[in-house]
């Protein structure tokens, strides 16, 4: 299987995901969205109409924030976030491979290598600011949101290296962070305070 890349190899991170890791990520992704669609028993468990809490988009924000964070971690070529992404991907590939072997008796081939754009110096500013904000506010988030966020990070690490539809996530988020960082820094550096002072 050949993977066509939209950017040069020098602008990519070096990482590998197996079919089992990708399937594990897709399974967790689907399970989270199915739970959201059905409402997770919220009002039904309290005696209300079955599934009446379903489909509130705000419920998916922690999960999708986690996916975004996991995708940005994949774009880090090194550092704590880059190594943590590699560890999570290794765990996802291993766990997915174990599940696939138990259920089907087959092994999982690698399907994507070096298939995520790299965070540049500008994107690194955005990621670092996000890490500082999340660390400082970690005690403020409710426990269910923390759990959804962590699950989203794991899914993001696995799916950002996928091909086809899932590669779109990595191809939008990482260059988007790079562009946002470049815009923010150039705006701050070239800001003229003459009229404000």
C-alpha atoms as a PDB file:
ATOM      1  CA  UNK A   1       0.000   0.000   0.000  1.00  0.00           C
ATOM      2  CA  UNK A   2       1.431   3.401  -0.992  1.00  0.00           C
ATOM      3  CA  UNK A   3       0.612   6.578   0.910  1.00  0.00           C
ATOM      4  CA  UNK A   4       0.782   9.842  -1.036  1.00  0.00           C
ATOM      5  CA  UNK A   5       1.870  12.755   1.108  1.00  0.00           C
ATOM      6  CA  UNK A   6       0.851  16.349   0.518  1.00  0.00           C
ATOM      7  CA  UNK A   7       4.036  17.793   2.077  1.00  0.00           C
ATOM      8  CA  UNK A   8       7.708  16.882   1.882  1.00  0.00           C
ATOM      9  CA  UNK A   9       9.189  14.086   3.972  1.00  0.00           C
ATOM     10  CA  UNK A  10      11.348  16.596   5.884  1.00  0.00           C
ATOM     11  CA  UNK A  11       8.175  18.230   7.171  1.00  0.00           C
ATOM     12  CA  UNK A  12       6.761  14.981   8.548  1.00  0.00           C
ATOM     13  CA  UNK A  13       7.071  13.184  11.875  1.00  0.00           C
ATOM     14  CA  UNK A  14       8.340   9.613  11.947  1.00  0.00           C
ATOM     15  CA  UNK A  15       5.649   7.335  13.327  1.00  0.00           C
ATOM     16  CA  UNK A  16       3.856   4.105  12.522  1.00  0.00           C
ATOM     17  CA  UNK A  17       0.334   2.868  13.175  1.00  0.00           C
ATOM     18  CA  UNK A  18      -0.933  -0.646  12.479  1.00  0.00           C
ATOM     19  CA  UNK A  19      -4.335  -1.666  11.174  1.00  0.00           C
ATOM     20  CA  UNK A  20      -5.147  -2.902  14.695  1.00  0.00           C
ATOM     21  CA  UNK A  21      -4.201   0.458  16.257  1.00  0.00           C
ATOM     22  CA  UNK A  22      -6.300   2.293  13.689  1.00  0.00           C
ATOM     23  CA  UNK A  23      -9.247  -0.055  14.265  1.00  0.00           C
ATOM     24  CA  UNK A  24      -8.957   0.423  18.047  1.00  0.00           C
ATOM     25  CA  UNK A  25      -9.007   4.195  17.537  1.00  0.00           C
ATOM     26  CA  UNK A  26     -12.005   3.948  15.197  1.00  0.00           C
ATOM     27  CA  UNK A  27     -13.826   1.692  17.678  1.00  0.00           C
ATOM     28  CA  UNK A  28     -13.324   4.134  20.559  1.00  0.00           C
ATOM     29  CA  UNK A  29     -14.303   7.017  18.265  1.00  0.00           C
ATOM     30  CA  UNK A  30     -17.506   5.237  17.211  1.00  0.00           C
ATOM     31  CA  UNK A  31     -18.368   4.160  20.779  1.00  0.00           C
ATOM     32  CA  UNK A  32     -18.031   7.727  22.097  1.00  0.00           C
ATOM     33  CA  UNK A  33     -20.256   9.119  19.334  1.00  0.00           C
ATOM     34  CA  UNK A  34     -22.823   6.338  19.703  1.00  0.00           C
ATOM     35  CA  UNK A  35     -23.010   7.005  23.451  1.00  0.00           C
ATOM     36  CA  UNK A  36     -23.458  10.708  22.708  1.00  0.00           C
ATOM     37  CA  UNK A  37     -26.128   9.992  20.060  1.00  0.00           C
ATOM     38  CA  UNK A  38     -28.122   7.787  22.408  1.00  0.00           C
ATOM     39  CA  UNK A  39     -27.723  10.216  25.302  1.00  0.00           C
ATOM     40  CA  UNK A  40     -25.867   7.903  27.644  1.00  0.00           C
ATOM     41  CA  UNK A  41     -29.025   7.197  29.665  1.00  0.00           C
ATOM     42  CA  UNK A  42     -29.009  10.713  31.207  1.00  0.00           C
ATOM     43  CA  UNK A  43     -32.695  11.674  31.452  1.00  0.00           C
ATOM     44  CA  UNK A  44     -33.916   8.113  30.981  1.00  0.00           C
ATOM     45  CA  UNK A  45     -32.044   6.990  34.089  1.00  0.00           C
ATOM     46  CA  UNK A  46     -33.641   9.841  36.052  1.00  0.00           C
ATOM     47  CA  UNK A  47     -37.153   8.903  34.921  1.00  0.00           C
ATOM     48  CA  UNK A  48     -37.328  11.215  31.888  1.00  0.00           C
ATOM     49  CA  UNK A  49     -37.905  10.314  28.275  1.00  0.00           C
ATOM     50  CA  UNK A  50     -35.396   7.787  26.939  1.00  0.00           C
ATOM     51  CA  UNK A  51     -32.461   9.484  25.248  1.00  0.00           C
ATOM     52  CA  UNK A  52     -33.774  13.001  25.836  1.00  0.00           C
ATOM     53  CA  UNK A  53     -30.252  14.272  26.626  1.00  0.00           C
ATOM     54  CA  UNK A  54     -28.957  12.972  23.324  1.00  0.00           C
ATOM     55  CA  UNK A  55     -27.272  15.012  20.623  1.00  0.00           C
ATOM     56  CA  UNK A  56     -26.123  18.033  22.648  1.00  0.00           C
ATOM     57  CA  UNK A  57     -22.944  19.012  20.762  1.00  0.00           C
ATOM     58  CA  UNK A  58     -21.391  20.471  23.932  1.00  0.00           C
ATOM     59  CA  UNK A  59     -21.111  16.941  25.306  1.00  0.00           C
ATOM     60  CA  UNK A  60     -18.561  16.108  22.588  1.00  0.00           C
ATOM     61  CA  UNK A  61     -16.305  19.125  23.223  1.00  0.00           C
ATOM     62  CA  UNK A  62     -14.003  17.383  25.751  1.00  0.00           C
ATOM     63  CA  UNK A  63     -13.609  14.368  23.459  1.00  0.00           C
ATOM     64  CA  UNK A  64     -12.873  16.442  20.352  1.00  0.00           C
ATOM     65  CA  UNK A  65     -10.516  18.677  22.350  1.00  0.00           C
ATOM     66  CA  UNK A  66      -8.678  15.502  23.285  1.00  0.00           C
ATOM     67  CA  UNK A  67      -8.553  14.398  19.637  1.00  0.00           C
ATOM     68  CA  UNK A  68      -7.099  17.781  18.700  1.00  0.00           C
ATOM     69  CA  UNK A  69      -4.510  17.520  21.487  1.00  0.00           C
ATOM     70  CA  UNK A  70      -3.579  13.972  20.485  1.00  0.00           C
ATOM     71  CA  UNK A  71      -3.187  15.061  16.881  1.00  0.00           C
ATOM     72  CA  UNK A  72      -0.921  17.936  17.930  1.00  0.00           C
ATOM     73  CA  UNK A  73       1.128  15.499  20.028  1.00  0.00           C
ATOM     74  CA  UNK A  74       1.688  13.355  16.926  1.00  0.00           C
ATOM     75  CA  UNK A  75       3.036  16.443  15.153  1.00  0.00           C
ATOM     76  CA  UNK A  76       5.680  16.996  17.845  1.00  0.00           C
ATOM     77  CA  UNK A  77       8.961  15.529  16.555  1.00  0.00           C
ATOM     78  CA  UNK A  78      10.357  15.020  20.077  1.00  0.00           C
ATOM     79  CA  UNK A  79       9.947  16.362  23.604  1.00  0.00           C
ATOM     80  CA  UNK A  80       7.620  14.974  26.248  1.00  0.00           C
ATOM     81  CA  UNK A  81       4.540  15.276  24.022  1.00  0.00           C
ATOM     82  CA  UNK A  82       6.215  13.559  21.070  1.00  0.00           C
ATOM     83  CA  UNK A  83       7.474  10.686  23.222  1.00  0.00           C
ATOM     84  CA  UNK A  84       4.122  10.352  25.005  1.00  0.00           C
ATOM     85  CA  UNK A  85       2.372  10.172  21.612  1.00  0.00           C
ATOM     86  CA  UNK A  86       4.780   7.413  20.584  1.00  0.00           C
ATOM     87  CA  UNK A  87       4.139   5.519  23.817  1.00  0.00           C
ATOM     88  CA  UNK A  88       0.347   5.816  23.444  1.00  0.00           C
ATOM     89  CA  UNK A  89       0.557   4.743  19.800  1.00  0.00           C
ATOM     90  CA  UNK A  90       2.749   1.772  20.774  1.00  0.00           C
ATOM     91  CA  UNK A  91       0.180   0.827  23.438  1.00  0.00           C
ATOM     92  CA  UNK A  92      -2.710   1.264  21.006  1.00  0.00           C
ATOM     93  CA  UNK A  93      -0.993  -0.838  18.359  1.00  0.00           C
ATOM     94  CA  UNK A  94      -0.242  -3.533  20.946  1.00  0.00           C
ATOM     95  CA  UNK A  95      -3.696  -3.573  22.523  1.00  0.00           C
ATOM     96  CA  UNK A  96      -5.419  -3.420  19.153  1.00  0.00           C
ATOM     97  CA  UNK A  97      -3.175  -6.205  17.866  1.00  0.00           C
ATOM     98  CA  UNK A  98      -3.981  -8.361  20.884  1.00  0.00           C
ATOM     99  CA  UNK A  99      -7.729  -7.831  20.420  1.00  0.00           C
ATOM    100  CA  UNK A 100      -7.485  -8.464  16.676  1.00  0.00           C
ATOM    101  CA  UNK A 101      -5.444 -11.640  17.236  1.00  0.00           C
ATOM    102  CA  UNK A 102      -7.889 -12.954  19.857  1.00  0.00           C
ATOM    103  CA  UNK A 103     -10.948 -12.215  17.746  1.00  0.00           C
ATOM    104  CA  UNK A 104      -9.713 -13.089  14.242  1.00  0.00           C
ATOM    105  CA  UNK A 105      -6.416 -14.938  14.647  1.00  0.00           C
ATOM    106  CA  UNK A 106      -4.603 -12.546  12.287  1.00  0.00           C
ATOM    107  CA  UNK A 107      -1.705 -10.154  12.782  1.00  0.00           C
ATOM    108  CA  UNK A 108      -1.855  -6.423  12.080  1.00  0.00           C
ATOM    109  CA  UNK A 109       0.350  -4.942   9.339  1.00  0.00           C
ATOM    110  CA  UNK A 110       1.590  -1.340   9.457  1.00  0.00           C
ATOM    111  CA  UNK A 111      -0.497   0.955   7.288  1.00  0.00           C
ATOM    112  CA  UNK A 112       0.992   4.410   7.780  1.00  0.00           C
ATOM    113  CA  UNK A 113       4.527   5.592   8.427  1.00  0.00           C
ATOM    114  CA  UNK A 114       5.544   9.241   8.754  1.00  0.00           C
ATOM    115  CA  UNK A 115       2.075  10.362   7.697  1.00  0.00           C
ATOM    116  CA  UNK A 116       1.535  13.404   9.878  1.00  0.00           C
ATOM    117  CA  UNK A 117       2.776  16.960   9.313  1.00  0.00           C
ATOM    118  CA  UNK A 118       5.310  18.335  11.802  1.00  0.00           C
ATOM    119  CA  UNK A 119       4.743  21.134  14.296  1.00  0.00           C
ATOM    120  CA  UNK A 120       7.068  24.012  13.430  1.00  0.00           C
ATOM    121  CA  UNK A 121       8.436  26.756  15.696  1.00  0.00           C
ATOM    122  CA  UNK A 122       5.213  28.748  15.423  1.00  0.00           C
ATOM    123  CA  UNK A 123       2.961  25.768  16.069  1.00  0.00           C
ATOM    124  CA  UNK A 124       5.125  24.875  19.062  1.00  0.00           C
ATOM    125  CA  UNK A 125       4.122  28.203  20.637  1.00  0.00           C
ATOM    126  CA  UNK A 126       0.426  27.312  20.285  1.00  0.00           C
ATOM    127  CA  UNK A 127       0.963  23.814  21.702  1.00  0.00           C
ATOM    128  CA  UNK A 128       3.039  25.107  24.637  1.00  0.00           C
ATOM    129  CA  UNK A 129       0.441  27.745  25.523  1.00  0.00           C
ATOM    130  CA  UNK A 130      -2.306  25.098  25.334  1.00  0.00           C
ATOM    131  CA  UNK A 131      -0.331  22.767  27.633  1.00  0.00           C
ATOM    132  CA  UNK A 132       0.220  25.557  30.181  1.00  0.00           C
ATOM    133  CA  UNK A 133      -3.472  26.524  30.137  1.00  0.00           C
ATOM    134  CA  UNK A 134      -4.630  22.903  30.478  1.00  0.00           C
ATOM    135  CA  UNK A 135      -2.164  22.244  33.299  1.00  0.00           C
ATOM    136  CA  UNK A 136      -3.232  25.352  35.243  1.00  0.00           C
ATOM    137  CA  UNK A 137      -6.947  24.582  34.791  1.00  0.00           C
ATOM    138  CA  UNK A 138      -6.794  20.791  35.303  1.00  0.00           C
ATOM    139  CA  UNK A 139      -8.519  20.958  38.716  1.00  0.00           C
ATOM    140  CA  UNK A 140     -11.439  22.988  37.315  1.00  0.00           C
ATOM    141  CA  UNK A 141     -12.684  20.354  34.860  1.00  0.00           C
ATOM    142  CA  UNK A 142     -15.345  17.843  35.997  1.00  0.00           C
ATOM    143  CA  UNK A 143     -14.201  14.214  36.205  1.00  0.00           C
ATOM    144  CA  UNK A 144     -16.353  12.953  33.260  1.00  0.00           C
ATOM    145  CA  UNK A 145     -14.873  15.655  31.015  1.00  0.00           C
ATOM    146  CA  UNK A 146     -11.328  14.650  32.024  1.00  0.00           C
ATOM    147  CA  UNK A 147     -12.117  11.048  31.121  1.00  0.00           C
ATOM    148  CA  UNK A 148     -13.540  12.040  27.721  1.00  0.00           C
ATOM    149  CA  UNK A 149     -10.541  14.298  27.083  1.00  0.00           C
ATOM    150  CA  UNK A 150      -8.052  11.502  27.858  1.00  0.00           C
ATOM    151  CA  UNK A 151      -9.955   9.089  25.632  1.00  0.00           C
ATOM    152  CA  UNK A 152      -9.910  11.722  22.878  1.00  0.00           C
ATOM    153  CA  UNK A 153      -6.129  12.146  23.224  1.00  0.00           C
ATOM    154  CA  UNK A 154      -5.652   8.386  22.820  1.00  0.00           C
ATOM    155  CA  UNK A 155      -7.964   8.307  19.794  1.00  0.00           C
ATOM    156  CA  UNK A 156      -6.279  11.371  18.275  1.00  0.00           C
ATOM    157  CA  UNK A 157      -2.838   9.787  18.599  1.00  0.00           C
ATOM    158  CA  UNK A 158      -4.075   6.671  16.784  1.00  0.00           C
ATOM    159  CA  UNK A 159      -6.209   8.293  14.085  1.00  0.00           C
ATOM    160  CA  UNK A 160      -3.990  11.241  13.124  1.00  0.00           C
ATOM    161  CA  UNK A 161      -1.647   8.832  11.331  1.00  0.00           C
ATOM    162  CA  UNK A 162      -4.390   7.091   9.417  1.00  0.00           C
ATOM    163  CA  UNK A 163      -4.880   7.393   5.717  1.00  0.00           C
ATOM    164  CA  UNK A 164      -7.838   8.736   3.792  1.00  0.00           C
ATOM    165  CA  UNK A 165     -10.514  10.378   5.923  1.00  0.00           C
ATOM    166  CA  UNK A 166      -8.574  10.211   9.189  1.00  0.00           C
ATOM    167  CA  UNK A 167      -5.480  11.801   7.626  1.00  0.00           C
ATOM    168  CA  UNK A 168      -7.617  14.913   7.073  1.00  0.00           C
ATOM    169  CA  UNK A 169      -7.650  15.478  10.855  1.00  0.00           C
ATOM    170  CA  UNK A 170      -3.856  15.636  11.019  1.00  0.00           C
ATOM    171  CA  UNK A 171      -3.626  17.615   7.785  1.00  0.00           C
ATOM    172  CA  UNK A 172      -5.968  20.305   9.158  1.00  0.00           C
ATOM    173  CA  UNK A 173      -5.054  20.539  12.842  1.00  0.00           C
ATOM    174  CA  UNK A 174      -1.252  20.611  12.692  1.00  0.00           C
ATOM    175  CA  UNK A 175      -0.822  23.107   9.804  1.00  0.00           C
ATOM    176  CA  UNK A 176      -3.649  25.113  11.409  1.00  0.00           C
ATOM    177  CA  UNK A 177      -1.675  25.351  14.662  1.00  0.00           C
ATOM    178  CA  UNK A 178       1.441  26.346  12.709  1.00  0.00           C
ATOM    179  CA  UNK A 179      -0.472  29.094  10.883  1.00  0.00           C
ATOM    180  CA  UNK A 180      -2.180  30.307  14.074  1.00  0.00           C
ATOM    181  CA  UNK A 181       1.165  30.558  15.855  1.00  0.00           C
ATOM    182  CA  UNK A 182       2.748  32.440  12.970  1.00  0.00           C
ATOM    183  CA  UNK A 183      -0.187  34.857  12.768  1.00  0.00           C
ATOM    184  CA  UNK A 184      -0.258  35.445  16.546  1.00  0.00           C
ATOM    185  CA  UNK A 185       3.482  36.039  16.864  1.00  0.00           C
ATOM    186  CA  UNK A 186       3.703  38.291  13.816  1.00  0.00           C
ATOM    187  CA  UNK A 187       0.708  40.281  15.103  1.00  0.00           C
ATOM    188  CA  UNK A 188       2.287  40.717  18.544  1.00  0.00           C
ATOM    189  CA  UNK A 189       5.706  41.624  17.130  1.00  0.00           C
ATOM    190  CA  UNK A 190       4.413  44.133  14.563  1.00  0.00           C
ATOM    191  CA  UNK A 191       1.695  45.642  16.768  1.00  0.00           C
ATOM    192  CA  UNK A 192       1.915  49.426  16.742  1.00  0.00           C
ATOM    193  CA  UNK A 193       0.929  50.835  20.145  1.00  0.00           C
ATOM    194  CA  UNK A 194       1.504  54.432  19.074  1.00  0.00           C
ATOM    195  CA  UNK A 195      -2.224  55.272  18.971  1.00  0.00           C
ATOM    196  CA  UNK A 196      -2.943  53.464  22.240  1.00  0.00           C
ATOM    197  CA  UNK A 197      -0.213  55.133  24.319  1.00  0.00           C
END
